[in-house]
Protein backbone atom coordinates (compact mmCIF):
# COMPACT_ATOMS: atom_id res chain seq x y z
CA UNK A 1 55.33 70.91 110.07
CA UNK A 2 53.48 74.56 107.95
CA UNK A 3 56.18 76.07 109.90
CA UNK A 4 59.75 74.17 107.97
CA UNK A 5 58.23 74.76 104.70
CA UNK A 6 58.21 78.40 105.36
CA UNK A 7 61.69 77.91 106.00
CA UNK A 8 62.18 76.21 103.21
CA UNK A 9 60.43 79.00 101.03
CA UNK A 10 62.77 81.14 102.20
CA UNK A 11 65.76 79.27 101.86
CA UNK A 12 65.17 78.48 98.37
CA UNK A 13 64.34 82.32 97.46
CA UNK A 14 67.59 83.79 99.81
CA UNK A 15 69.35 80.79 97.09
CA UNK A 16 67.66 81.89 93.68
CA UNK A 17 68.61 85.79 94.69
CA UNK A 18 72.22 85.01 95.66
CA UNK A 19 72.33 82.78 92.25
CA UNK A 20 70.78 86.38 90.41
CA UNK A 21 73.55 88.10 92.51
CA UNK A 22 76.64 85.93 91.80
CA UNK A 23 75.54 85.88 88.08
CA UNK A 24 75.65 90.09 87.98
CA UNK A 25 79.00 90.14 89.96
CA UNK A 26 80.46 87.67 87.81
CA UNK A 27 78.74 89.54 83.89
CA UNK A 28 80.97 93.07 86.37
CA UNK A 29 84.45 90.87 87.03
CA UNK A 30 84.20 89.56 82.88
CA UNK A 31 83.42 93.50 82.03
CA UNK A 32 86.51 94.69 84.25
CA UNK A 33 88.82 92.27 83.58
CA UNK A 34 87.97 93.68 79.91
CA UNK A 35 88.90 97.01 80.83
CA UNK A 36 92.02 96.03 82.22
CA UNK A 37 93.38 93.97 79.48
CA UNK A 38 92.20 96.71 77.17
CA UNK A 39 94.15 99.39 79.26
CA UNK A 40 97.27 97.34 79.32
CA UNK A 41 97.29 97.58 75.54
CA UNK A 42 96.70 100.85 75.35
CA UNK A 43 99.98 101.46 77.70
CA UNK A 44 101.76 98.95 76.62
CA UNK A 45 101.36 101.15 72.71
CA UNK A 46 102.48 103.82 74.76
CA UNK A 47 105.81 102.92 76.34
CA UNK A 48 106.52 101.63 72.87
CA UNK A 49 105.44 104.83 70.97
CA UNK A 50 107.68 106.36 73.55
CA UNK A 51 110.60 104.43 73.23
CA UNK A 52 110.61 105.12 69.39
CA UNK A 53 110.33 109.02 69.84
CA UNK A 54 113.29 110.78 68.68
CA UNK A 55 115.43 111.74 71.82
CA UNK A 56 115.50 115.51 72.97
CA UNK A 57 118.01 118.30 71.83
CA UNK A 58 119.26 118.39 75.04
CA UNK A 59 122.63 117.22 75.96
CA UNK A 60 122.99 114.23 78.88
CA UNK A 61 124.33 114.84 81.84
CA UNK A 62 127.99 112.65 80.66
CA UNK A 63 128.33 115.11 76.98
CA UNK A 64 127.57 117.90 79.36
CA UNK A 65 130.83 119.79 79.48
CA UNK A 66 131.53 121.02 83.14
CA UNK A 67 131.19 125.29 82.76
CA UNK A 68 134.51 127.26 83.31
CA UNK A 69 134.50 127.99 86.52
CA UNK A 70 135.82 123.98 87.65
């Protein structure tokens, strides 16, 4: 009987440890989700800023006149 009680105690300790580990991992997942959301927002801001920039002074390939030897 004592052997069974010892096994029950061991299982309860393992379960407790797993509960703590799961909670710690959950907190890390929450932090990472927040970080990813922030990075996505920053990336969107960068894309919008780049799209709003003035085009360069170089003509596009279609607007370029061919060299004289053509």
